[in-house]
Amino acid sequence: MNEIVFNTLKKKDFIVKSFILRLIKDMDLSVDEAILLIYFMNQENPVLDIENIMIEAYLSEEEIMEAYQRLVSLGIIETKTIKNKQGIIEEIISLDNIIKIVSQDIAKEEKEKMSVDLFEQFESEFGRPLSPLEYELINTWLDTGTSEELVLEALKESIYNGVKSLRYIEKILLNWKEKGYKNKSDISDGMRKESSDEVFSDLYDFNWLDNE
């Protein structure tokens, strides 16, 4: 009896990454689904080995299959065919979708965080809270593909010119869109080119013969 307990305690512990806990909560996984997912995450080359899962994860065959099928249906895991080192074709459980799901969630959170900072920047520069219509207009710019970087640059340009108006900023953005500007670097390059063109234009128009 003591040997059985000792051997049980010697088993390798499962490591659970924090993003897996988040995924379990966000996807509303059941206990069995969470256990099976954690099991797969702790395997070097995860496969649907029913007997081993029953031993390591304390799930019945029925529980394993139900949990497996739902994880697949949710797009969290999928089965892929590979050739192992011995050249034998085998099926493994791919966990690539987990990284994609987590990455999308992180990107979404970062975008929401940046949006909050963007609105705060507008309110700071305008010296007042934004109205609901102003929030809606800024969100429209973002939703139609205008980067936050470009919106901030347009805000700076507007403040530099002494104008605190979203309609004025919108005209700046439309002008930049026509010129193909997509980021701060494009704006800088475009301004340098325009400055250079003006210099050449002045030189070309200058009456050198009448320079007295």
N, C-alpha and C. Protein backbone atom coordinates (compact mmCIF):
# COMPACT_ATOMS: atom_id res chain seq x y z
N MET A 1 0.83 -1.20 0.00
CA MET A 1 0.00 0.00 0.00
C MET A 1 0.87 1.26 0.00
N ASN A 2 1.89 1.27 0.89
CA ASN A 2 2.79 2.42 0.96
C ASN A 2 3.52 2.64 -0.36
N GLU A 3 3.86 1.53 -1.04
CA GLU A 3 4.56 1.62 -2.32
C GLU A 3 3.67 2.26 -3.39
N ILE A 4 2.39 1.91 -3.36
CA ILE A 4 1.44 2.48 -4.32
C ILE A 4 1.32 3.99 -4.10
N VAL A 5 1.21 4.38 -2.84
CA VAL A 5 1.10 5.82 -2.50
C VAL A 5 2.38 6.55 -2.92
N PHE A 6 3.52 5.92 -2.62
CA PHE A 6 4.81 6.53 -2.95
C PHE A 6 4.96 6.72 -4.46
N ASN A 7 4.60 5.72 -5.22
CA ASN A 7 4.72 5.80 -6.68
C ASN A 7 3.76 6.85 -7.26
N THR A 8 2.59 6.97 -6.63
CA THR A 8 1.63 7.98 -7.07
C THR A 8 2.17 9.38 -6.84
N LEU A 9 2.78 9.59 -5.69
CA LEU A 9 3.34 10.89 -5.35
C LEU A 9 4.55 11.24 -6.22
N LYS A 10 5.22 10.20 -6.76
CA LYS A 10 6.40 10.42 -7.59
C LYS A 10 6.04 10.84 -9.01
N LYS A 11 4.78 10.71 -9.39
CA LYS A 11 4.38 11.06 -10.75
C LYS A 11 4.67 12.52 -11.05
N LYS A 12 5.02 12.78 -12.29
CA LYS A 12 5.33 14.14 -12.70
C LYS A 12 4.10 15.03 -12.60
N ASP A 13 4.28 16.20 -12.00
CA ASP A 13 3.18 17.15 -11.88
C ASP A 13 2.91 17.81 -13.23
N PHE A 14 1.65 18.14 -13.47
CA PHE A 14 1.29 18.89 -14.66
C PHE A 14 1.59 20.37 -14.42
N ILE A 15 2.12 21.02 -15.43
CA ILE A 15 2.38 22.45 -15.37
C ILE A 15 1.23 23.16 -16.09
N VAL A 16 0.65 24.14 -15.44
CA VAL A 16 -0.48 24.87 -16.02
C VAL A 16 -0.07 26.33 -16.20
N LYS A 17 0.06 26.75 -17.45
CA LYS A 17 0.40 28.14 -17.75
C LYS A 17 -0.82 29.02 -17.46
N SER A 18 -0.55 30.27 -17.08
CA SER A 18 -1.64 31.18 -16.74
C SER A 18 -2.58 31.43 -17.92
N PHE A 19 -2.02 31.45 -19.15
CA PHE A 19 -2.89 31.71 -20.30
C PHE A 19 -3.85 30.55 -20.55
N ILE A 20 -3.48 29.33 -20.08
CA ILE A 20 -4.39 28.20 -20.21
C ILE A 20 -5.57 28.36 -19.25
N LEU A 21 -5.29 28.85 -18.05
CA LEU A 21 -6.38 29.10 -17.09
C LEU A 21 -7.34 30.14 -17.66
N ARG A 22 -6.76 31.14 -18.30
CA ARG A 22 -7.59 32.18 -18.91
C ARG A 22 -8.44 31.61 -20.05
N LEU A 23 -7.82 30.77 -20.86
CA LEU A 23 -8.54 30.14 -21.98
C LEU A 23 -9.68 29.28 -21.46
N ILE A 24 -9.42 28.52 -20.40
CA ILE A 24 -10.44 27.65 -19.80
C ILE A 24 -11.63 28.48 -19.35
N LYS A 25 -11.36 29.61 -18.72
CA LYS A 25 -12.43 30.48 -18.21
C LYS A 25 -13.18 31.14 -19.37
N ASP A 26 -12.43 31.71 -20.32
CA ASP A 26 -13.05 32.44 -21.44
C ASP A 26 -13.90 31.53 -22.33
N MET A 27 -13.43 30.28 -22.50
CA MET A 27 -14.15 29.34 -23.37
C MET A 27 -15.19 28.52 -22.60
N ASP A 28 -15.28 28.78 -21.30
CA ASP A 28 -16.26 28.11 -20.44
C ASP A 28 -16.13 26.58 -20.55
N LEU A 29 -14.90 26.09 -20.39
CA LEU A 29 -14.67 24.65 -20.49
C LEU A 29 -15.10 23.95 -19.21
N SER A 30 -15.54 22.72 -19.37
CA SER A 30 -15.91 21.90 -18.20
C SER A 30 -14.64 21.41 -17.52
N VAL A 31 -14.82 20.81 -16.36
CA VAL A 31 -13.66 20.29 -15.62
C VAL A 31 -12.94 19.23 -16.45
N ASP A 32 -13.69 18.31 -17.06
CA ASP A 32 -13.08 17.25 -17.87
C ASP A 32 -12.33 17.82 -19.07
N GLU A 33 -12.92 18.81 -19.72
CA GLU A 33 -12.28 19.44 -20.88
C GLU A 33 -11.01 20.15 -20.47
N ALA A 34 -11.06 20.81 -19.32
CA ALA A 34 -9.87 21.52 -18.81
C ALA A 34 -8.76 20.53 -18.48
N ILE A 35 -9.12 19.43 -17.84
CA ILE A 35 -8.12 18.41 -17.47
C ILE A 35 -7.46 17.83 -18.72
N LEU A 36 -8.28 17.51 -19.72
CA LEU A 36 -7.74 16.92 -20.95
C LEU A 36 -6.84 17.91 -21.67
N LEU A 37 -7.23 19.17 -21.71
CA LEU A 37 -6.41 20.20 -22.34
C LEU A 37 -5.08 20.36 -21.63
N ILE A 38 -5.11 20.37 -20.30
CA ILE A 38 -3.87 20.48 -19.51
C ILE A 38 -2.99 19.27 -19.75
N TYR A 39 -3.61 18.11 -19.86
CA TYR A 39 -2.84 16.88 -20.15
C TYR A 39 -2.11 17.03 -21.48
N PHE A 40 -2.82 17.43 -22.53
CA PHE A 40 -2.19 17.60 -23.85
C PHE A 40 -1.06 18.63 -23.80
N MET A 41 -1.27 19.71 -23.07
CA MET A 41 -0.27 20.78 -22.99
C MET A 41 1.02 20.31 -22.32
N ASN A 42 0.94 19.26 -21.53
CA ASN A 42 2.11 18.76 -20.82
C ASN A 42 2.80 17.59 -21.53
N GLN A 43 2.35 17.28 -22.74
CA GLN A 43 2.98 16.21 -23.52
C GLN A 43 3.87 16.81 -24.60
N GLU A 44 5.03 16.20 -24.79
CA GLU A 44 5.94 16.69 -25.83
C GLU A 44 5.32 16.51 -27.21
N ASN A 45 4.77 15.34 -27.46
CA ASN A 45 4.04 15.07 -28.69
C ASN A 45 2.68 14.49 -28.32
N PRO A 46 1.72 15.36 -28.04
CA PRO A 46 0.41 14.89 -27.55
C PRO A 46 -0.33 14.02 -28.56
N VAL A 47 -0.81 12.88 -28.08
CA VAL A 47 -1.62 11.98 -28.90
C VAL A 47 -2.82 11.55 -28.05
N LEU A 48 -3.85 11.06 -28.75
CA LEU A 48 -5.04 10.61 -28.03
C LEU A 48 -4.83 9.17 -27.56
N ASP A 49 -4.01 9.03 -26.52
CA ASP A 49 -3.71 7.73 -25.93
C ASP A 49 -4.69 7.50 -24.77
N ILE A 50 -5.80 6.87 -25.07
CA ILE A 50 -6.88 6.71 -24.09
C ILE A 50 -6.40 6.08 -22.79
N GLU A 51 -5.67 4.99 -22.90
CA GLU A 51 -5.24 4.26 -21.70
C GLU A 51 -4.35 5.13 -20.82
N ASN A 52 -3.40 5.82 -21.44
CA ASN A 52 -2.50 6.66 -20.66
C ASN A 52 -3.23 7.85 -20.03
N ILE A 53 -4.16 8.42 -20.78
CA ILE A 53 -4.92 9.56 -20.25
C ILE A 53 -5.76 9.11 -19.05
N MET A 54 -6.33 7.90 -19.15
CA MET A 54 -7.13 7.39 -18.04
C MET A 54 -6.28 7.27 -16.78
N ILE A 55 -5.03 6.87 -16.95
CA ILE A 55 -4.13 6.69 -15.80
C ILE A 55 -3.65 8.04 -15.26
N GLU A 56 -3.21 8.91 -16.19
CA GLU A 56 -2.59 10.17 -15.78
C GLU A 56 -3.61 11.24 -15.39
N ALA A 57 -4.77 11.26 -16.05
CA ALA A 57 -5.72 12.35 -15.83
C ALA A 57 -6.96 11.92 -15.04
N TYR A 58 -7.05 10.63 -14.71
CA TYR A 58 -8.16 10.12 -13.91
C TYR A 58 -9.52 10.37 -14.56
N LEU A 59 -9.57 10.20 -15.87
CA LEU A 59 -10.82 10.34 -16.60
C LEU A 59 -11.21 8.98 -17.17
N SER A 60 -12.50 8.76 -17.30
CA SER A 60 -12.96 7.52 -17.94
C SER A 60 -12.86 7.68 -19.45
N GLU A 61 -12.98 6.57 -20.17
CA GLU A 61 -12.91 6.63 -21.63
C GLU A 61 -14.02 7.51 -22.20
N GLU A 62 -15.21 7.39 -21.63
CA GLU A 62 -16.34 8.20 -22.09
C GLU A 62 -16.09 9.69 -21.85
N GLU A 63 -15.56 10.00 -20.68
CA GLU A 63 -15.27 11.40 -20.34
C GLU A 63 -14.19 11.97 -21.27
N ILE A 64 -13.21 11.14 -21.58
CA ILE A 64 -12.13 11.57 -22.48
C ILE A 64 -12.67 11.89 -23.87
N MET A 65 -13.45 11.01 -24.40
CA MET A 65 -13.97 11.18 -25.76
C MET A 65 -14.91 12.38 -25.84
N GLU A 66 -15.76 12.57 -24.84
CA GLU A 66 -16.68 13.72 -24.84
C GLU A 66 -15.90 15.03 -24.76
N ALA A 67 -14.90 15.05 -23.89
CA ALA A 67 -14.07 16.26 -23.74
C ALA A 67 -13.27 16.53 -25.01
N TYR A 68 -12.72 15.47 -25.58
CA TYR A 68 -11.91 15.59 -26.81
C TYR A 68 -12.76 16.16 -27.95
N GLN A 69 -13.95 15.61 -28.14
CA GLN A 69 -14.82 16.04 -29.23
C GLN A 69 -15.22 17.51 -29.08
N ARG A 70 -15.45 17.95 -27.85
CA ARG A 70 -15.85 19.36 -27.67
C ARG A 70 -14.64 20.29 -27.89
N LEU A 71 -13.46 19.89 -27.46
CA LEU A 71 -12.27 20.71 -27.70
C LEU A 71 -12.02 20.87 -29.19
N VAL A 72 -12.27 19.81 -29.94
CA VAL A 72 -12.12 19.87 -31.40
C VAL A 72 -13.19 20.78 -32.00
N SER A 73 -14.43 20.61 -31.55
CA SER A 73 -15.55 21.41 -32.10
C SER A 73 -15.37 22.90 -31.83
N LEU A 74 -14.71 23.23 -30.71
CA LEU A 74 -14.46 24.63 -30.37
C LEU A 74 -13.26 25.21 -31.12
N GLY A 75 -12.54 24.33 -31.82
CA GLY A 75 -11.37 24.78 -32.57
C GLY A 75 -10.15 25.01 -31.70
N ILE A 76 -10.17 24.49 -30.48
CA ILE A 76 -9.04 24.67 -29.57
C ILE A 76 -7.90 23.72 -29.94
N ILE A 77 -8.24 22.49 -30.31
CA ILE A 77 -7.24 21.51 -30.75
C ILE A 77 -7.69 20.92 -32.07
N GLU A 78 -6.75 20.29 -32.77
CA GLU A 78 -7.08 19.58 -34.00
C GLU A 78 -6.07 18.45 -34.20
N THR A 79 -6.45 17.49 -35.01
CA THR A 79 -5.58 16.35 -35.27
C THR A 79 -4.77 16.58 -36.54
N LYS A 80 -3.47 16.32 -36.45
CA LYS A 80 -2.59 16.44 -37.61
C LYS A 80 -1.82 15.15 -37.84
N THR A 81 -1.54 14.85 -39.08
CA THR A 81 -0.76 13.67 -39.42
C THR A 81 0.68 14.07 -39.70
N ILE A 82 1.63 13.42 -39.02
CA ILE A 82 3.05 13.71 -39.22
C ILE A 82 3.83 12.42 -39.41
N LYS A 83 5.07 12.57 -39.83
CA LYS A 83 5.97 11.43 -39.95
C LYS A 83 6.98 11.53 -38.82
N ASN A 84 7.05 10.51 -37.97
CA ASN A 84 7.98 10.55 -36.83
C ASN A 84 9.41 10.25 -37.26
N LYS A 85 10.32 10.20 -36.28
CA LYS A 85 11.74 10.00 -36.56
C LYS A 85 12.02 8.66 -37.24
N GLN A 86 11.17 7.70 -37.01
CA GLN A 86 11.35 6.39 -37.62
C GLN A 86 10.70 6.31 -39.01
N GLY A 87 10.13 7.44 -39.44
CA GLY A 87 9.50 7.48 -40.75
C GLY A 87 8.09 6.92 -40.76
N ILE A 88 7.54 6.70 -39.58
CA ILE A 88 6.18 6.14 -39.47
C ILE A 88 5.17 7.28 -39.38
N ILE A 89 4.08 7.15 -40.14
CA ILE A 89 3.02 8.15 -40.10
C ILE A 89 2.20 7.98 -38.82
N GLU A 90 1.99 9.07 -38.10
CA GLU A 90 1.18 9.01 -36.89
C GLU A 90 0.37 10.29 -36.72
N GLU A 91 -0.70 10.18 -35.95
CA GLU A 91 -1.55 11.32 -35.69
C GLU A 91 -1.18 11.95 -34.35
N ILE A 92 -1.05 13.27 -34.34
CA ILE A 92 -0.78 13.98 -33.08
C ILE A 92 -1.85 15.05 -32.88
N ILE A 93 -1.94 15.52 -31.65
CA ILE A 93 -2.88 16.59 -31.33
C ILE A 93 -2.14 17.91 -31.49
N SER A 94 -2.60 18.74 -32.42
CA SER A 94 -1.99 20.05 -32.64
C SER A 94 -2.59 21.07 -31.68
N LEU A 95 -1.72 21.83 -31.02
CA LEU A 95 -2.15 22.86 -30.07
C LEU A 95 -1.92 24.26 -30.62
N ASP A 96 -1.65 24.36 -31.93
CA ASP A 96 -1.34 25.65 -32.54
C ASP A 96 -2.48 26.65 -32.38
N ASN A 97 -3.71 26.16 -32.43
CA ASN A 97 -4.87 27.07 -32.34
C ASN A 97 -4.94 27.78 -31.00
N ILE A 98 -4.40 27.15 -29.97
CA ILE A 98 -4.40 27.77 -28.63
C ILE A 98 -3.62 29.07 -28.67
N ILE A 99 -2.45 29.03 -29.30
CA ILE A 99 -1.60 30.22 -29.42
C ILE A 99 -2.34 31.30 -30.22
N LYS A 100 -3.01 30.89 -31.28
CA LYS A 100 -3.75 31.86 -32.10
C LYS A 100 -4.86 32.53 -31.30
N ILE A 101 -5.61 31.72 -30.55
CA ILE A 101 -6.72 32.25 -29.75
C ILE A 101 -6.21 33.23 -28.70
N VAL A 102 -5.16 32.83 -27.98
CA VAL A 102 -4.60 33.68 -26.93
C VAL A 102 -4.02 34.96 -27.53
N SER A 103 -3.33 34.83 -28.68
CA SER A 103 -2.73 36.00 -29.33
C SER A 103 -3.79 37.00 -29.75
N GLN A 104 -4.90 36.49 -30.28
CA GLN A 104 -6.00 37.37 -30.70
C GLN A 104 -6.59 38.11 -29.50
N ASP A 105 -6.72 37.40 -28.37
CA ASP A 105 -7.27 38.02 -27.17
C ASP A 105 -6.34 39.13 -26.66
N ILE A 106 -5.04 38.84 -26.67
CA ILE A 106 -4.06 39.82 -26.20
C ILE A 106 -4.06 41.05 -27.12
N ALA A 107 -4.10 40.80 -28.43
CA ALA A 107 -4.12 41.90 -29.40
C ALA A 107 -5.36 42.77 -29.21
N LYS A 108 -6.51 42.11 -28.95
CA LYS A 108 -7.76 42.84 -28.73
C LYS A 108 -7.66 43.72 -27.49
N GLU A 109 -7.09 43.17 -26.43
CA GLU A 109 -6.95 43.93 -25.19
C GLU A 109 -6.03 45.12 -25.37
N GLU A 110 -4.92 44.90 -26.12
CA GLU A 110 -3.98 45.98 -26.37
C GLU A 110 -4.64 47.09 -27.18
N LYS A 111 -5.46 46.70 -28.16
CA LYS A 111 -6.15 47.68 -28.98
C LYS A 111 -7.11 48.51 -28.13
N GLU A 112 -7.85 47.82 -27.24
CA GLU A 112 -8.79 48.51 -26.37
C GLU A 112 -8.06 49.46 -25.42
N LYS A 113 -6.90 49.01 -24.95
CA LYS A 113 -6.09 49.84 -24.05
C LYS A 113 -5.59 51.07 -24.78
N MET A 114 -5.11 50.88 -26.02
CA MET A 114 -4.62 51.99 -26.83
C MET A 114 -5.73 52.98 -27.12
N SER A 115 -6.95 52.47 -27.36
CA SER A 115 -8.09 53.33 -27.65
C SER A 115 -8.40 54.23 -26.47
N VAL A 116 -8.34 53.66 -25.27
CA VAL A 116 -8.58 54.45 -24.06
C VAL A 116 -7.55 55.56 -23.95
N ASP A 117 -6.27 55.22 -24.19
CA ASP A 117 -5.20 56.20 -24.15
C ASP A 117 -5.40 57.28 -25.21
N LEU A 118 -5.90 56.87 -26.38
CA LEU A 118 -6.13 57.81 -27.48
C LEU A 118 -7.20 58.83 -27.08
N PHE A 119 -8.31 58.36 -26.52
CA PHE A 119 -9.38 59.26 -26.10
C PHE A 119 -8.90 60.22 -25.00
N GLU A 120 -8.10 59.69 -24.09
CA GLU A 120 -7.55 60.53 -23.02
C GLU A 120 -6.65 61.61 -23.59
N GLN A 121 -5.90 61.27 -24.64
CA GLN A 121 -5.03 62.24 -25.29
C GLN A 121 -5.85 63.37 -25.93
N PHE A 122 -6.95 63.00 -26.57
CA PHE A 122 -7.83 64.02 -27.16
C PHE A 122 -8.38 64.95 -26.08
N GLU A 123 -8.86 64.35 -24.99
CA GLU A 123 -9.46 65.15 -23.93
C GLU A 123 -8.42 66.06 -23.28
N SER A 124 -7.20 65.58 -23.17
CA SER A 124 -6.12 66.38 -22.60
C SER A 124 -5.80 67.58 -23.49
N GLU A 125 -5.70 67.32 -24.80
CA GLU A 125 -5.36 68.39 -25.74
C GLU A 125 -6.52 69.39 -25.90
N PHE A 126 -7.76 68.89 -25.89
CA PHE A 126 -8.92 69.77 -26.04
C PHE A 126 -9.25 70.49 -24.74
N GLY A 127 -8.77 69.95 -23.63
CA GLY A 127 -9.03 70.57 -22.33
C GLY A 127 -10.46 70.38 -21.85
N ARG A 128 -11.10 69.31 -22.34
CA ARG A 128 -12.50 69.04 -21.96
C ARG A 128 -12.84 67.59 -22.29
N PRO A 129 -13.90 67.06 -21.69
CA PRO A 129 -14.33 65.69 -22.04
C PRO A 129 -14.88 65.65 -23.47
N LEU A 130 -14.72 64.53 -24.13
CA LEU A 130 -15.29 64.35 -25.46
C LEU A 130 -16.78 64.04 -25.36
N SER A 131 -17.53 64.49 -26.33
CA SER A 131 -18.96 64.20 -26.37
C SER A 131 -19.16 62.80 -26.96
N PRO A 132 -20.34 62.19 -26.75
CA PRO A 132 -20.62 60.88 -27.34
C PRO A 132 -20.43 60.87 -28.86
N LEU A 133 -20.82 61.96 -29.54
CA LEU A 133 -20.67 62.04 -30.99
C LEU A 133 -19.19 62.07 -31.39
N GLU A 134 -18.38 62.73 -30.57
CA GLU A 134 -16.94 62.80 -30.85
C GLU A 134 -16.30 61.42 -30.66
N TYR A 135 -16.72 60.71 -29.61
CA TYR A 135 -16.24 59.34 -29.41
C TYR A 135 -16.60 58.48 -30.63
N GLU A 136 -17.83 58.63 -31.10
CA GLU A 136 -18.30 57.84 -32.23
C GLU A 136 -17.51 58.15 -33.50
N LEU A 137 -17.18 59.44 -33.71
CA LEU A 137 -16.44 59.83 -34.91
C LEU A 137 -15.03 59.25 -34.88
N ILE A 138 -14.36 59.32 -33.73
CA ILE A 138 -13.01 58.77 -33.60
C ILE A 138 -13.03 57.26 -33.83
N ASN A 139 -14.02 56.59 -33.24
CA ASN A 139 -14.15 55.14 -33.44
C ASN A 139 -14.39 54.80 -34.91
N THR A 140 -15.12 55.67 -35.60
CA THR A 140 -15.36 55.45 -37.04
C THR A 140 -14.05 55.49 -37.81
N TRP A 141 -13.18 56.42 -37.47
CA TRP A 141 -11.86 56.48 -38.13
C TRP A 141 -11.10 55.17 -37.92
N LEU A 142 -11.12 54.71 -36.68
CA LEU A 142 -10.37 53.48 -36.35
C LEU A 142 -10.98 52.26 -37.03
N ASP A 143 -12.31 52.19 -37.03
CA ASP A 143 -13.00 51.03 -37.60
C ASP A 143 -12.84 50.95 -39.12
N THR A 144 -12.59 52.09 -39.75
CA THR A 144 -12.43 52.11 -41.21
C THR A 144 -10.98 51.99 -41.65
N GLY A 145 -10.11 51.64 -40.69
CA GLY A 145 -8.73 51.32 -41.06
C GLY A 145 -7.68 52.37 -40.79
N THR A 146 -8.07 53.52 -40.25
CA THR A 146 -7.08 54.55 -39.91
C THR A 146 -6.37 54.15 -38.63
N SER A 147 -5.05 54.12 -38.65
CA SER A 147 -4.29 53.68 -37.47
C SER A 147 -4.34 54.73 -36.37
N GLU A 148 -4.20 54.29 -35.14
CA GLU A 148 -4.17 55.21 -34.01
C GLU A 148 -2.99 56.15 -34.11
N GLU A 149 -1.90 55.63 -34.66
CA GLU A 149 -0.70 56.46 -34.83
C GLU A 149 -1.01 57.65 -35.73
N LEU A 150 -1.74 57.40 -36.82
CA LEU A 150 -2.07 58.46 -37.77
C LEU A 150 -3.05 59.46 -37.15
N VAL A 151 -4.01 58.94 -36.37
CA VAL A 151 -4.97 59.82 -35.71
C VAL A 151 -4.26 60.75 -34.73
N LEU A 152 -3.32 60.21 -33.97
CA LEU A 152 -2.56 61.03 -33.02
C LEU A 152 -1.73 62.09 -33.72
N GLU A 153 -1.15 61.73 -34.87
CA GLU A 153 -0.36 62.70 -35.63
C GLU A 153 -1.26 63.82 -36.17
N ALA A 154 -2.47 63.45 -36.59
CA ALA A 154 -3.42 64.46 -37.07
C ALA A 154 -3.85 65.38 -35.93
N LEU A 155 -4.01 64.80 -34.74
CA LEU A 155 -4.33 65.60 -33.56
C LEU A 155 -3.21 66.59 -33.27
N LYS A 156 -1.97 66.14 -33.34
CA LYS A 156 -0.81 67.03 -33.10
C LYS A 156 -0.76 68.16 -34.13
N GLU A 157 -1.03 67.80 -35.38
CA GLU A 157 -1.02 68.79 -36.45
C GLU A 157 -2.11 69.84 -36.22
N SER A 158 -3.29 69.38 -35.77
CA SER A 158 -4.40 70.28 -35.51
C SER A 158 -4.07 71.24 -34.37
N ILE A 159 -3.52 70.71 -33.29
CA ILE A 159 -3.16 71.55 -32.13
C ILE A 159 -2.05 72.53 -32.51
N TYR A 160 -1.10 72.07 -33.32
CA TYR A 160 0.00 72.94 -33.77
C TYR A 160 -0.55 74.13 -34.56
N ASN A 161 -1.62 73.89 -35.31
CA ASN A 161 -2.24 74.95 -36.11
C ASN A 161 -3.27 75.75 -35.31
N GLY A 162 -3.40 75.44 -34.02
CA GLY A 162 -4.29 76.20 -33.17
C GLY A 162 -5.76 75.87 -33.34
N VAL A 163 -6.06 74.68 -33.85
CA VAL A 163 -7.45 74.29 -34.08
C VAL A 163 -7.80 73.06 -33.25
N LYS A 164 -8.87 73.15 -32.46
CA LYS A 164 -9.32 72.02 -31.67
C LYS A 164 -10.68 71.55 -32.19
N SER A 165 -10.64 70.86 -33.31
CA SER A 165 -11.87 70.43 -33.97
C SER A 165 -11.67 69.08 -34.63
N LEU A 166 -12.60 68.16 -34.37
CA LEU A 166 -12.50 66.84 -34.99
C LEU A 166 -12.72 66.92 -36.49
N ARG A 167 -13.55 67.86 -36.94
CA ARG A 167 -13.78 68.00 -38.38
C ARG A 167 -12.51 68.47 -39.08
N TYR A 168 -11.77 69.31 -38.44
CA TYR A 168 -10.49 69.77 -38.99
C TYR A 168 -9.51 68.60 -39.07
N ILE A 169 -9.50 67.79 -37.98
CA ILE A 169 -8.62 66.61 -37.94
C ILE A 169 -9.04 65.61 -39.02
N GLU A 170 -10.34 65.50 -39.24
CA GLU A 170 -10.83 64.59 -40.27
C GLU A 170 -10.34 65.02 -41.66
N LYS A 171 -10.31 66.33 -41.90
CA LYS A 171 -9.82 66.84 -43.18
C LYS A 171 -8.34 66.51 -43.35
N ILE A 172 -7.59 66.61 -42.26
CA ILE A 172 -6.17 66.26 -42.29
C ILE A 172 -6.01 64.79 -42.66
N LEU A 173 -6.81 63.94 -42.01
CA LEU A 173 -6.74 62.50 -42.28
C LEU A 173 -7.11 62.17 -43.72
N LEU A 174 -8.14 62.83 -44.24
CA LEU A 174 -8.55 62.60 -45.62
C LEU A 174 -7.45 63.02 -46.60
N ASN A 175 -6.80 64.13 -46.28
CA ASN A 175 -5.69 64.62 -47.11
C ASN A 175 -4.53 63.62 -47.10
N TRP A 176 -4.23 63.11 -45.92
CA TRP A 176 -3.14 62.14 -45.81
C TRP A 176 -3.50 60.83 -46.50
N LYS A 177 -4.78 60.45 -46.42
CA LYS A 177 -5.22 59.22 -47.08
C LYS A 177 -5.04 59.33 -48.59
N GLU A 178 -5.39 60.51 -49.15
CA GLU A 178 -5.22 60.74 -50.59
C GLU A 178 -3.76 60.65 -51.00
N LYS A 179 -2.87 61.03 -50.08
CA LYS A 179 -1.43 60.99 -50.36
C LYS A 179 -0.81 59.62 -50.05
N GLY A 180 -1.63 58.72 -49.51
CA GLY A 180 -1.14 57.38 -49.23
C GLY A 180 -0.40 57.23 -47.91
N TYR A 181 -0.54 58.22 -47.02
CA TYR A 181 0.14 58.15 -45.73
C TYR A 181 -0.57 57.14 -44.83
N LYS A 182 0.19 56.25 -44.21
CA LYS A 182 -0.40 55.25 -43.32
C LYS A 182 0.18 55.29 -41.91
N ASN A 183 1.32 55.97 -41.75
CA ASN A 183 1.94 56.05 -40.43
C ASN A 183 2.80 57.31 -40.33
N LYS A 184 3.41 57.50 -39.18
CA LYS A 184 4.22 58.70 -38.92
C LYS A 184 5.39 58.82 -39.89
N SER A 185 5.98 57.68 -40.22
CA SER A 185 7.11 57.68 -41.15
C SER A 185 6.70 58.20 -42.53
N ASP A 186 5.52 57.78 -42.98
CA ASP A 186 5.01 58.25 -44.28
C ASP A 186 4.82 59.77 -44.27
N ILE A 187 4.31 60.28 -43.16
CA ILE A 187 4.08 61.73 -43.04
C ILE A 187 5.41 62.48 -43.12
N SER A 188 6.41 62.00 -42.37
CA SER A 188 7.73 62.65 -42.36
C SER A 188 8.35 62.64 -43.75
N ASP A 189 8.28 61.48 -44.41
CA ASP A 189 8.84 61.37 -45.76
C ASP A 189 8.12 62.30 -46.73
N GLY A 190 6.79 62.35 -46.60
CA GLY A 190 6.00 63.20 -47.49
C GLY A 190 6.29 64.66 -47.29
N MET A 191 6.45 65.09 -46.04
CA MET A 191 6.76 66.49 -45.75
C MET A 191 8.13 66.88 -46.26
N ARG A 192 9.08 65.95 -46.14
CA ARG A 192 10.43 66.24 -46.67
C ARG A 192 10.38 66.38 -48.18
N LYS A 193 9.62 65.52 -48.83
CA LYS A 193 9.50 65.57 -50.28
C LYS A 193 8.82 66.86 -50.73
N GLU A 194 7.75 67.26 -50.03
CA GLU A 194 7.05 68.49 -50.36
C GLU A 194 7.96 69.70 -50.17
N SER A 195 8.75 69.67 -49.09
CA SER A 195 9.68 70.77 -48.82
C SER A 195 10.74 70.86 -49.92
N SER A 196 11.22 69.68 -50.32
CA SER A 196 12.23 69.63 -51.37
C SER A 196 11.66 70.12 -52.70
N ASP A 197 10.42 69.72 -53.01
CA ASP A 197 9.77 70.15 -54.25
C ASP A 197 9.58 71.65 -54.28
N GLU A 198 9.26 72.25 -53.11
CA GLU A 198 9.06 73.70 -53.04
C GLU A 198 10.36 74.44 -53.32
N VAL A 199 11.46 73.89 -52.79
CA VAL A 199 12.76 74.51 -53.01
C VAL A 199 13.11 74.50 -54.48
N PHE A 200 12.94 73.33 -55.12
CA PHE A 200 13.25 73.22 -56.54
C PHE A 200 12.33 74.11 -57.37
N SER A 201 11.06 74.23 -56.95
CA SER A 201 10.11 75.07 -57.67
C SER A 201 10.52 76.53 -57.59
N ASP A 202 10.97 76.97 -56.41
CA ASP A 202 11.41 78.35 -56.23
C ASP A 202 12.64 78.65 -57.08
N LEU A 203 13.56 77.68 -57.12
CA LEU A 203 14.77 77.85 -57.92
C LEU A 203 14.42 77.93 -59.41
N TYR A 204 13.46 77.13 -59.83
CA TYR A 204 13.08 77.08 -61.23
C TYR A 204 12.39 78.39 -61.65
N ASP A 205 11.57 78.93 -60.75
CA ASP A 205 10.80 80.15 -61.07
C ASP A 205 11.62 81.42 -60.90
N PHE A 206 12.75 81.33 -60.25
CA PHE A 206 13.54 82.52 -59.97
C PHE A 206 14.14 83.07 -61.26
N ASN A 207 14.04 84.39 -61.43
CA ASN A 207 14.60 85.05 -62.62
C ASN A 207 16.05 85.39 -62.36
N TRP A 208 16.94 84.50 -62.79
CA TRP A 208 18.37 84.67 -62.51
C TRP A 208 18.97 85.85 -63.30
N LEU A 209 18.40 86.18 -64.45
CA LEU A 209 18.94 87.25 -65.28
C LEU A 209 18.58 88.63 -64.72
N ASP A 210 17.55 88.62 -63.86
CA ASP A 210 17.07 89.91 -63.33
C ASP A 210 17.46 90.08 -61.87
N ASN A 211 18.49 89.38 -61.45
CA ASN A 211 18.89 89.39 -60.04
C ASN A 211 19.87 90.51 -59.79
N GLU A 212 19.36 91.68 -59.47
CA GLU A 212 20.22 92.85 -59.19
C GLU A 212 19.87 93.43 -57.84
